[in-house]
Amino acid sequence: MNTNPIIGNLTGMNALSDQVVAIDLLIAAKSGVRNYAMAVTEAGTPEIKEILTRHLVEALYMHEQISAYMVEKGWCHAWDTNEQITLDLNNINTALDLPTL
């Protein structure tokens, strides 16, 4: 979201923007992990399999780092479903309350 920094600070939207970016990055990381895992199983040579496996490990590490960051920020409650549902509902309500342009 491109918000004016002053408006973002006043409305709290700057933190929400960071959260949206982190969620998008996490989704992309999950997709990368899934794609590399499938590619490893389809590799035609041991050399290609080794390269793809190395990329898979790196993608898993990236996913872990993003997840840890989101947990630290309070944007992800992977081990507390009720808390995650509450957070998701609050984010939905915030989005619904945004003025339309």
Protein backbone atom coordinates (compact mmCIF):
# COMPACT_ATOMS: atom_id res chain seq x y z
CA MET A 1 0.00 0.00 0.00
CA ASN A 2 1.32 3.40 -0.89
CA THR A 3 0.31 5.60 1.98
CA ASN A 4 1.69 8.96 2.96
CA PRO A 5 4.07 8.27 5.89
CA ILE A 6 2.37 10.88 8.08
CA ILE A 7 -1.10 9.52 7.32
CA GLY A 8 0.21 5.98 7.75
CA ASN A 9 1.58 6.79 11.20
CA LEU A 10 -1.61 8.54 12.26
CA THR A 11 -3.90 5.75 11.08
CA GLY A 12 -1.66 2.82 11.92
CA MET A 13 -1.71 1.72 8.27
CA ASN A 14 2.10 1.64 8.04
CA ALA A 15 2.21 -1.45 10.27
CA LEU A 16 -0.62 -3.05 8.31
CA SER A 17 1.29 -2.40 5.09
CA ASP A 18 4.35 -4.16 6.52
CA GLN A 19 2.14 -7.06 7.54
CA VAL A 20 0.65 -7.33 4.04
CA VAL A 21 4.12 -7.35 2.48
CA ALA A 22 5.29 -10.03 4.94
CA ILE A 23 2.24 -12.19 4.23
CA ASP A 24 2.79 -11.89 0.47
CA LEU A 25 6.44 -12.82 0.91
CA LEU A 26 5.50 -15.82 3.07
CA ILE A 27 3.01 -17.02 0.45
CA ALA A 28 5.68 -16.70 -2.25
CA ALA A 29 8.16 -18.60 -0.08
CA LYS A 30 5.65 -21.42 0.46
CA SER A 31 5.07 -21.60 -3.27
CA GLY A 32 8.81 -21.78 -3.88
CA VAL A 33 9.21 -24.61 -1.36
CA ARG A 34 6.37 -26.55 -2.99
CA ASN A 35 7.73 -26.00 -6.50
CA TYR A 36 11.29 -27.00 -5.59
CA ALA A 37 10.04 -30.11 -3.78
CA MET A 38 8.12 -31.19 -6.88
CA ALA A 39 11.07 -30.36 -9.14
CA VAL A 40 13.42 -32.50 -7.02
CA THR A 41 11.18 -35.51 -7.54
CA GLU A 42 11.20 -34.89 -11.32
CA ALA A 43 14.93 -34.26 -11.71
CA GLY A 44 16.47 -36.20 -14.57
CA THR A 45 20.06 -36.37 -13.35
CA PRO A 46 21.78 -36.54 -9.96
CA GLU A 47 23.46 -33.19 -10.66
CA ILE A 48 20.15 -31.43 -11.31
CA LYS A 49 18.61 -33.13 -8.27
CA GLU A 50 21.49 -31.88 -6.12
CA ILE A 51 21.10 -28.30 -7.35
CA LEU A 52 17.33 -28.34 -6.83
CA THR A 53 17.74 -29.87 -3.38
CA ARG A 54 20.14 -27.08 -2.43
CA HIS A 55 17.60 -24.51 -3.64
CA LEU A 56 14.87 -26.31 -1.69
CA VAL A 57 16.89 -26.09 1.53
CA GLU A 58 17.47 -22.37 0.91
CA ALA A 59 13.75 -21.83 0.26
CA LEU A 60 12.90 -23.67 3.49
CA TYR A 61 15.34 -21.46 5.39
CA MET A 62 13.79 -18.33 3.86
CA HIS A 63 10.31 -19.54 4.83
CA GLU A 64 11.54 -20.17 8.38
CA GLN A 65 13.02 -16.67 8.63
CA ILE A 66 9.86 -14.97 7.34
CA SER A 67 7.67 -17.05 9.67
CA ALA A 68 9.85 -16.23 12.68
CA TYR A 69 9.71 -12.52 11.80
CA MET A 70 5.93 -12.62 11.54
CA VAL A 71 5.60 -14.47 14.86
CA GLU A 72 7.93 -11.93 16.50
CA LYS A 73 5.79 -9.07 15.18
CA GLY A 74 2.58 -10.77 16.35
CA TRP A 75 1.29 -11.17 12.80
CA CYS A 76 1.24 -14.96 12.86
CA HIS A 77 0.02 -17.33 15.56
CA ALA A 78 0.75 -20.69 13.97
CA TRP A 79 0.36 -22.61 17.23
CA ASP A 80 -2.75 -20.81 18.50
CA THR A 81 -5.59 -21.19 16.03
CA ASN A 82 -8.05 -19.12 18.05
CA GLU A 83 -5.60 -16.22 18.30
CA GLN A 84 -4.90 -16.44 14.55
CA ILE A 85 -8.62 -16.39 13.75
CA THR A 86 -9.06 -13.32 15.98
CA LEU A 87 -6.14 -11.58 14.25
CA ASP A 88 -7.53 -12.47 10.80
CA LEU A 89 -10.98 -11.17 11.71
CA ASN A 90 -9.48 -7.92 13.03
CA ASN A 91 -7.53 -7.51 9.78
CA ILE A 92 -10.68 -8.17 7.75
CA ASN A 93 -12.61 -5.57 9.73
CA THR A 94 -9.77 -3.06 9.32
CA ALA A 95 -9.78 -3.63 5.57
CA LEU A 96 -13.56 -3.26 5.41
CA ASP A 97 -13.37 0.00 7.35
CA LEU A 98 -10.89 1.56 4.89
CA PRO A 99 -12.40 4.36 2.87
CA THR A 100 -12.95 3.50 -0.78
CA LEU A 101 -11.46 5.71 -3.45
